[in-house]
């Protein structure tokens, strides 16, 4: 049995993982979805890490799974408490001292998204439906929107990721092959440049834990078997 601590992306809603948790539990694993009130301007990245550590409740052998903006929280957590592995799921991979606001320009994520849209014949202007929700079934949409959406505050977007180097624990980069926000080729480049590793692919879009939880769990179970 492996404990998976699930760190949400922008907004911080634990309900993002509502379709993934039962899949993990059916396989005999423990799943801890973390809720972070990311619209609270009093909270920055250190407070996000505090919330995740508190949710771990003393567990010292968990696997951190970080979605999107959650990639900024995962290394700070792993710097504070022992973990068995970090899994970055369509995640922003930070450099030490980088802010989420800086990450987009530093990595060229916007240009990569627009180039991928143009190559696919899509309108390159950002659109929530086109870039986030395009692969969600009615059931997946209902699960995602069961809770009121939140937006991360300006505080956290301007906060620095406080770690000196990537934690010395096994790390996996799991990428959805249909991610339109962070296209797969872009994520592959960033993973190679910043972590010196390749990515694993799973079918789905940016919200793949909602649209295709079974495929994500299959990968997570495989990673756990390697430990």
C-alpha atoms as a PDB file:
ATOM      1  CA  UNK A   1       0.000   0.000   0.000  1.00  0.00           C
ATOM      2  CA  UNK A   2       1.300   3.464  -0.950  1.00  0.00           C
ATOM      3  CA  UNK A   3       0.104   6.792   0.402  1.00  0.00           C
ATOM      4  CA  UNK A   4      -0.413   9.360  -2.344  1.00  0.00           C
ATOM      5  CA  UNK A   5      -0.622  12.990  -1.254  1.00  0.00           C
ATOM      6  CA  UNK A   6      -2.438  14.884  -3.989  1.00  0.00           C
ATOM      7  CA  UNK A   7      -1.466  18.558  -4.405  1.00  0.00           C
ATOM      8  CA  UNK A   8      -3.937  20.496  -6.573  1.00  0.00           C
ATOM      9  CA  UNK A   9      -3.135  23.082  -9.194  1.00  0.00           C
ATOM     10  CA  UNK A  10      -4.407  26.650  -9.480  1.00  0.00           C
ATOM     11  CA  UNK A  11      -7.305  27.241  -7.119  1.00  0.00           C
ATOM     12  CA  UNK A  12      -6.228  24.539  -4.689  1.00  0.00           C
ATOM     13  CA  UNK A  13      -9.527  22.660  -4.608  1.00  0.00           C
ATOM     14  CA  UNK A  14      -9.233  19.117  -3.264  1.00  0.00           C
ATOM     15  CA  UNK A  15     -12.330  18.233  -5.271  1.00  0.00           C
ATOM     16  CA  UNK A  16     -10.129  18.239  -8.378  1.00  0.00           C
ATOM     17  CA  UNK A  17      -9.043  14.733  -7.315  1.00  0.00           C
ATOM     18  CA  UNK A  18     -12.554  13.397  -6.665  1.00  0.00           C
ATOM     19  CA  UNK A  19     -12.506  10.939  -9.584  1.00  0.00           C
ATOM     20  CA  UNK A  20      -8.919   9.817  -8.936  1.00  0.00           C
ATOM     21  CA  UNK A  21      -9.204   9.022  -5.214  1.00  0.00           C
ATOM     22  CA  UNK A  22     -11.675   6.097  -5.579  1.00  0.00           C
ATOM     23  CA  UNK A  23      -9.488   4.584  -8.307  1.00  0.00           C
ATOM     24  CA  UNK A  24      -6.452   4.628  -6.015  1.00  0.00           C
ATOM     25  CA  UNK A  25      -8.426   3.252  -3.073  1.00  0.00           C
ATOM     26  CA  UNK A  26      -9.779   0.394  -5.188  1.00  0.00           C
ATOM     27  CA  UNK A  27      -6.175  -0.627  -5.748  1.00  0.00           C
ATOM     28  CA  UNK A  28      -5.556  -0.665  -1.999  1.00  0.00           C
ATOM     29  CA  UNK A  29      -3.687   2.629  -1.774  1.00  0.00           C
ATOM     30  CA  UNK A  30      -4.283   5.564   0.531  1.00  0.00           C
ATOM     31  CA  UNK A  31      -5.108   8.893  -1.114  1.00  0.00           C
ATOM     32  CA  UNK A  32      -4.940  12.262   0.641  1.00  0.00           C
ATOM     33  CA  UNK A  33      -6.320  15.099  -1.489  1.00  0.00           C
ATOM     34  CA  UNK A  34      -5.123  18.418  -0.100  1.00  0.00           C
ATOM     35  CA  UNK A  35      -7.333  21.511  -0.088  1.00  0.00           C
ATOM     36  CA  UNK A  36      -5.596  24.907  -0.242  1.00  0.00           C
ATOM     37  CA  UNK A  37      -7.541  28.159  -0.108  1.00  0.00           C
ATOM     38  CA  UNK A  38      -5.489  29.666  -2.899  1.00  0.00           C
ATOM     39  CA  UNK A  39      -7.746  32.689  -3.244  1.00  0.00           C
ATOM     40  CA  UNK A  40      -6.651  33.812   0.234  1.00  0.00           C
ATOM     41  CA  UNK A  41      -4.044  36.587  -0.224  1.00  0.00           C
ATOM     42  CA  UNK A  42      -2.604  35.805   3.199  1.00  0.00           C
ATOM     43  CA  UNK A  43      -1.232  32.520   1.858  1.00  0.00           C
ATOM     44  CA  UNK A  44       2.008  32.223  -0.085  1.00  0.00           C
ATOM     45  CA  UNK A  45       4.046  29.220  -1.169  1.00  0.00           C
ATOM     46  CA  UNK A  46       5.445  28.536   2.337  1.00  0.00           C
ATOM     47  CA  UNK A  47       1.886  28.393   3.690  1.00  0.00           C
ATOM     48  CA  UNK A  48       0.883  26.062   0.851  1.00  0.00           C
ATOM     49  CA  UNK A  49       3.728  23.768   1.884  1.00  0.00           C
ATOM     50  CA  UNK A  50       2.624  24.032   5.533  1.00  0.00           C
ATOM     51  CA  UNK A  51      -0.878  22.892   4.554  1.00  0.00           C
ATOM     52  CA  UNK A  52       0.432  19.894   2.632  1.00  0.00           C
ATOM     53  CA  UNK A  53       2.769  18.877   5.470  1.00  0.00           C
ATOM     54  CA  UNK A  54      -0.120  19.148   7.943  1.00  0.00           C
ATOM     55  CA  UNK A  55      -2.289  16.953   5.699  1.00  0.00           C
ATOM     56  CA  UNK A  56       0.462  14.316   5.682  1.00  0.00           C
ATOM     57  CA  UNK A  57      -0.010  14.061   9.470  1.00  0.00           C
ATOM     58  CA  UNK A  58       3.416  12.666  10.215  1.00  0.00           C
ATOM     59  CA  UNK A  59       3.621  10.241   7.288  1.00  0.00           C
ATOM     60  CA  UNK A  60       7.202   9.986   6.107  1.00  0.00           C
ATOM     61  CA  UNK A  61       6.884   7.616   3.156  1.00  0.00           C
ATOM     62  CA  UNK A  62       4.297   9.284   0.924  1.00  0.00           C
ATOM     63  CA  UNK A  63       4.352   9.932  -2.802  1.00  0.00           C
ATOM     64  CA  UNK A  64       3.608  13.563  -3.676  1.00  0.00           C
ATOM     65  CA  UNK A  65       1.501  14.055  -6.809  1.00  0.00           C
ATOM     66  CA  UNK A  66       1.520  17.685  -7.931  1.00  0.00           C
ATOM     67  CA  UNK A  67      -0.798  19.067 -10.620  1.00  0.00           C
ATOM     68  CA  UNK A  68       0.133  22.181 -12.649  1.00  0.00           C
ATOM     69  CA  UNK A  69       0.833  25.053 -10.184  1.00  0.00           C
ATOM     70  CA  UNK A  70       1.267  22.385  -7.487  1.00  0.00           C
ATOM     71  CA  UNK A  71       4.724  21.828  -8.964  1.00  0.00           C
ATOM     72  CA  UNK A  72       5.829  24.916  -7.048  1.00  0.00           C
ATOM     73  CA  UNK A  73       4.707  23.411  -3.737  1.00  0.00           C
ATOM     74  CA  UNK A  74       6.080  19.875  -4.102  1.00  0.00           C
ATOM     75  CA  UNK A  75       9.838  20.617  -3.785  1.00  0.00           C
ATOM     76  CA  UNK A  76       9.239  22.816  -0.746  1.00  0.00           C
ATOM     77  CA  UNK A  77       7.329  20.004   0.946  1.00  0.00           C
ATOM     78  CA  UNK A  78      10.020  17.460   0.087  1.00  0.00           C
ATOM     79  CA  UNK A  79      12.630  19.809   1.561  1.00  0.00           C
ATOM     80  CA  UNK A  80      10.765  19.726   4.898  1.00  0.00           C
ATOM     81  CA  UNK A  81       9.688  16.107   5.307  1.00  0.00           C
ATOM     82  CA  UNK A  82      10.910  12.801   3.842  1.00  0.00           C
ATOM     83  CA  UNK A  83       8.924  11.545   0.838  1.00  0.00           C
ATOM     84  CA  UNK A  84       9.361   8.473  -1.326  1.00  0.00           C
ATOM     85  CA  UNK A  85       8.740  10.101  -4.698  1.00  0.00           C
ATOM     86  CA  UNK A  86       7.486  13.231  -6.459  1.00  0.00           C
ATOM     87  CA  UNK A  87       5.176  12.867  -9.455  1.00  0.00           C
ATOM     88  CA  UNK A  88       4.712  16.029 -11.503  1.00  0.00           C
ATOM     89  CA  UNK A  89       1.410  15.868 -13.402  1.00  0.00           C
ATOM     90  CA  UNK A  90       1.231  18.440 -16.208  1.00  0.00           C
ATOM     91  CA  UNK A  91       3.150  20.498 -13.698  1.00  0.00           C
ATOM     92  CA  UNK A  92       5.117  23.719 -13.634  1.00  0.00           C
ATOM     93  CA  UNK A  93       8.703  22.749 -12.793  1.00  0.00           C
ATOM     94  CA  UNK A  94      10.308  25.639 -10.877  1.00  0.00           C
ATOM     95  CA  UNK A  95      13.893  26.700 -10.471  1.00  0.00           C
ATOM     96  CA  UNK A  96      15.089  27.720  -6.991  1.00  0.00           C
ATOM     97  CA  UNK A  97      13.937  31.242  -6.230  1.00  0.00           C
ATOM     98  CA  UNK A  98      11.569  31.429  -9.206  1.00  0.00           C
ATOM     99  CA  UNK A  99       8.032  32.776  -8.933  1.00  0.00           C
ATOM    100  CA  UNK A 100       4.998  31.395 -10.768  1.00  0.00           C
ATOM    101  CA  UNK A 101       4.721  34.749 -12.553  1.00  0.00           C
ATOM    102  CA  UNK A 102       8.294  34.448 -13.809  1.00  0.00           C
ATOM    103  CA  UNK A 103       7.934  30.830 -14.879  1.00  0.00           C
ATOM    104  CA  UNK A 104       5.865  31.518 -18.006  1.00  0.00           C
ATOM    105  CA  UNK A 105       8.380  33.912 -19.579  1.00  0.00           C
ATOM    106  CA  UNK A 106      11.365  31.873 -18.411  1.00  0.00           C
ATOM    107  CA  UNK A 107      10.076  28.689 -20.018  1.00  0.00           C
ATOM    108  CA  UNK A 108       8.274  30.222 -23.000  1.00  0.00           C
ATOM    109  CA  UNK A 109       5.033  28.463 -22.118  1.00  0.00           C
ATOM    110  CA  UNK A 110       2.775  31.022 -23.797  1.00  0.00           C
ATOM    111  CA  UNK A 111       4.656  30.911 -27.079  1.00  0.00           C
ATOM    112  CA  UNK A 112       4.698  27.104 -26.964  1.00  0.00           C
ATOM    113  CA  UNK A 113       0.929  26.997 -26.418  1.00  0.00           C
ATOM    114  CA  UNK A 114       0.229  29.387 -29.283  1.00  0.00           C
ATOM    115  CA  UNK A 115       2.543  27.491 -31.628  1.00  0.00           C
ATOM    116  CA  UNK A 116       0.824  24.205 -30.787  1.00  0.00           C
ATOM    117  CA  UNK A 117      -2.602  25.780 -31.335  1.00  0.00           C
ATOM    118  CA  UNK A 118      -1.616  27.167 -34.718  1.00  0.00           C
ATOM    119  CA  UNK A 119      -0.086  23.867 -35.798  1.00  0.00           C
ATOM    120  CA  UNK A 120      -3.353  22.126 -34.887  1.00  0.00           C
ATOM    121  CA  UNK A 121      -5.476  24.742 -36.650  1.00  0.00           C
ATOM    122  CA  UNK A 122      -6.931  26.128 -33.401  1.00  0.00           C
ATOM    123  CA  UNK A 123      -7.463  29.742 -32.420  1.00  0.00           C
ATOM    124  CA  UNK A 124      -4.281  30.611 -30.447  1.00  0.00           C
ATOM    125  CA  UNK A 125      -6.060  33.019 -28.103  1.00  0.00           C
ATOM    126  CA  UNK A 126      -6.361  31.566 -24.609  1.00  0.00           C
ATOM    127  CA  UNK A 127      -9.806  30.159 -23.837  1.00  0.00           C
ATOM    128  CA  UNK A 128     -10.867  28.144 -20.788  1.00  0.00           C
ATOM    129  CA  UNK A 129     -13.099  25.789 -22.738  1.00  0.00           C
ATOM    130  CA  UNK A 130     -10.558  25.194 -25.492  1.00  0.00           C
ATOM    131  CA  UNK A 131      -7.490  24.791 -23.279  1.00  0.00           C
ATOM    132  CA  UNK A 132      -8.853  23.276 -20.055  1.00  0.00           C
ATOM    133  CA  UNK A 133     -12.211  21.598 -20.593  1.00  0.00           C
ATOM    134  CA  UNK A 134     -12.064  20.257 -24.165  1.00  0.00           C
ATOM    135  CA  UNK A 135     -11.729  16.567 -23.211  1.00  0.00           C
ATOM    136  CA  UNK A 136     -14.142  16.465 -20.237  1.00  0.00           C
ATOM    137  CA  UNK A 137     -17.208  14.240 -20.393  1.00  0.00           C
ATOM    138  CA  UNK A 138     -20.451  15.390 -18.804  1.00  0.00           C
ATOM    139  CA  UNK A 139     -19.616  13.242 -15.763  1.00  0.00           C
ATOM    140  CA  UNK A 140     -16.139  14.739 -15.504  1.00  0.00           C
ATOM    141  CA  UNK A 141     -17.507  18.274 -15.810  1.00  0.00           C
ATOM    142  CA  UNK A 142     -20.011  17.604 -13.043  1.00  0.00           C
ATOM    143  CA  UNK A 143     -17.218  16.359 -10.784  1.00  0.00           C
ATOM    144  CA  UNK A 144     -14.978  19.317 -11.563  1.00  0.00           C
ATOM    145  CA  UNK A 145     -17.679  21.926 -11.031  1.00  0.00           C
ATOM    146  CA  UNK A 146     -19.170  20.348  -7.912  1.00  0.00           C
ATOM    147  CA  UNK A 147     -17.242  22.956  -5.942  1.00  0.00           C
ATOM    148  CA  UNK A 148     -17.059  26.681  -6.636  1.00  0.00           C
ATOM    149  CA  UNK A 149     -13.923  27.543  -8.613  1.00  0.00           C
ATOM    150  CA  UNK A 150     -11.135  29.571  -7.052  1.00  0.00           C
ATOM    151  CA  UNK A 151      -8.307  31.589  -8.522  1.00  0.00           C
ATOM    152  CA  UNK A 152      -4.843  31.804  -6.970  1.00  0.00           C
ATOM    153  CA  UNK A 153      -4.143  35.136  -5.336  1.00  0.00           C
ATOM    154  CA  UNK A 154      -1.601  37.648  -6.565  1.00  0.00           C
ATOM    155  CA  UNK A 155       0.385  36.861  -3.408  1.00  0.00           C
ATOM    156  CA  UNK A 156       1.323  33.344  -4.390  1.00  0.00           C
ATOM    157  CA  UNK A 157       1.910  34.164  -8.057  1.00  0.00           C
ATOM    158  CA  UNK A 158       4.612  36.635  -7.001  1.00  0.00           C
ATOM    159  CA  UNK A 159       6.086  34.424  -4.273  1.00  0.00           C
ATOM    160  CA  UNK A 160       9.447  32.686  -4.651  1.00  0.00           C
ATOM    161  CA  UNK A 161       9.856  28.927  -4.537  1.00  0.00           C
ATOM    162  CA  UNK A 162      12.148  28.474  -1.559  1.00  0.00           C
ATOM    163  CA  UNK A 163      14.429  25.512  -2.187  1.00  0.00           C
ATOM    164  CA  UNK A 164      18.130  25.317  -3.073  1.00  0.00           C
ATOM    165  CA  UNK A 165      18.065  22.352  -5.466  1.00  0.00           C
ATOM    166  CA  UNK A 166      15.588  19.744  -6.561  1.00  0.00           C
ATOM    167  CA  UNK A 167      15.052  17.253  -3.701  1.00  0.00           C
ATOM    168  CA  UNK A 168      17.141  14.108  -3.914  1.00  0.00           C
ATOM    169  CA  UNK A 169      14.196  11.735  -4.252  1.00  0.00           C
ATOM    170  CA  UNK A 170      12.891   9.779  -7.263  1.00  0.00           C
ATOM    171  CA  UNK A 171      10.930  12.110  -9.505  1.00  0.00           C
ATOM    172  CA  UNK A 172       8.584  11.345 -12.399  1.00  0.00           C
ATOM    173  CA  UNK A 173       7.145  13.761 -14.947  1.00  0.00           C
ATOM    174  CA  UNK A 174       3.738  12.581 -16.128  1.00  0.00           C
ATOM    175  CA  UNK A 175       2.332  14.449 -19.122  1.00  0.00           C
ATOM    176  CA  UNK A 176      -1.042  14.252 -20.841  1.00  0.00           C
ATOM    177  CA  UNK A 177      -0.540  13.821 -24.560  1.00  0.00           C
ATOM    178  CA  UNK A 178      -3.447  16.169 -25.342  1.00  0.00           C
ATOM    179  CA  UNK A 179      -2.574  18.962 -22.920  1.00  0.00           C
ATOM    180  CA  UNK A 180      -3.332  22.202 -24.755  1.00  0.00           C
ATOM    181  CA  UNK A 181      -2.207  24.545 -21.978  1.00  0.00           C
ATOM    182  CA  UNK A 182       1.250  23.009 -21.562  1.00  0.00           C
ATOM    183  CA  UNK A 183       1.778  21.051 -24.810  1.00  0.00           C
ATOM    184  CA  UNK A 184       3.647  17.729 -24.456  1.00  0.00           C
ATOM    185  CA  UNK A 185       6.691  18.820 -26.469  1.00  0.00           C
ATOM    186  CA  UNK A 186       6.977  21.915 -24.285  1.00  0.00           C
ATOM    187  CA  UNK A 187       6.753  19.866 -21.081  1.00  0.00           C
ATOM    188  CA  UNK A 188       9.340  17.438 -22.431  1.00  0.00           C
ATOM    189  CA  UNK A 189      11.768  20.277 -23.130  1.00  0.00           C
ATOM    190  CA  UNK A 190      11.301  21.855 -19.700  1.00  0.00           C
ATOM    191  CA  UNK A 191      11.738  18.490 -17.934  1.00  0.00           C
ATOM    192  CA  UNK A 192      14.989  17.878 -19.801  1.00  0.00           C
ATOM    193  CA  UNK A 193      16.316  21.381 -19.204  1.00  0.00           C
ATOM    194  CA  UNK A 194      15.388  21.615 -15.545  1.00  0.00           C
ATOM    195  CA  UNK A 195      15.485  18.024 -14.272  1.00  0.00           C
ATOM    196  CA  UNK A 196      17.531  16.223 -16.907  1.00  0.00           C
ATOM    197  CA  UNK A 197      14.804  13.639 -17.456  1.00  0.00           C
ATOM    198  CA  UNK A 198      12.235  12.564 -19.995  1.00  0.00           C
ATOM    199  CA  UNK A 199       8.486  12.388 -19.491  1.00  0.00           C
ATOM    200  CA  UNK A 200       5.888   9.635 -19.428  1.00  0.00           C
ATOM    201  CA  UNK A 201       2.723  10.137 -21.465  1.00  0.00           C
ATOM    202  CA  UNK A 202      -0.887   9.387 -20.599  1.00  0.00           C
ATOM    203  CA  UNK A 203      -3.972  10.086 -22.750  1.00  0.00           C
ATOM    204  CA  UNK A 204      -5.855  13.253 -21.830  1.00  0.00           C
ATOM    205  CA  UNK A 205      -5.749  17.026 -21.519  1.00  0.00           C
ATOM    206  CA  UNK A 206      -4.457  19.391 -18.855  1.00  0.00           C
ATOM    207  CA  UNK A 207      -7.087  18.188 -16.357  1.00  0.00           C
ATOM    208  CA  UNK A 208      -6.318  14.538 -17.020  1.00  0.00           C
ATOM    209  CA  UNK A 209      -6.912  13.504 -13.390  1.00  0.00           C
ATOM    210  CA  UNK A 210     -10.527  14.481 -14.017  1.00  0.00           C
ATOM    211  CA  UNK A 211     -10.949  13.394 -17.637  1.00  0.00           C
ATOM    212  CA  UNK A 212      -9.007  10.109 -17.497  1.00  0.00           C
ATOM    213  CA  UNK A 213      -8.342   9.146 -13.857  1.00  0.00           C
ATOM    214  CA  UNK A 214      -7.953   5.450 -14.621  1.00  0.00           C
ATOM    215  CA  UNK A 215      -4.977   6.044 -16.903  1.00  0.00           C
ATOM    216  CA  UNK A 216      -3.308   8.301 -14.327  1.00  0.00           C
ATOM    217  CA  UNK A 217      -3.833   5.741 -11.563  1.00  0.00           C
ATOM    218  CA  UNK A 218      -2.372   3.020 -13.758  1.00  0.00           C
ATOM    219  CA  UNK A 219       0.804   5.070 -14.048  1.00  0.00           C
ATOM    220  CA  UNK A 220       0.856   5.933 -10.340  1.00  0.00           C
ATOM    221  CA  UNK A 221       0.468   2.284  -9.403  1.00  0.00           C
ATOM    222  CA  UNK A 222       3.374   1.455 -11.705  1.00  0.00           C
ATOM    223  CA  UNK A 223       5.546   4.087 -10.081  1.00  0.00           C
ATOM    224  CA  UNK A 224       4.664   2.775  -6.623  1.00  0.00           C
ATOM    225  CA  UNK A 225       5.695  -0.711  -7.681  1.00  0.00           C
ATOM    226  CA  UNK A 226       9.171   0.628  -8.447  1.00  0.00           C
ATOM    227  CA  UNK A 227       9.720   1.801  -4.853  1.00  0.00           C
END
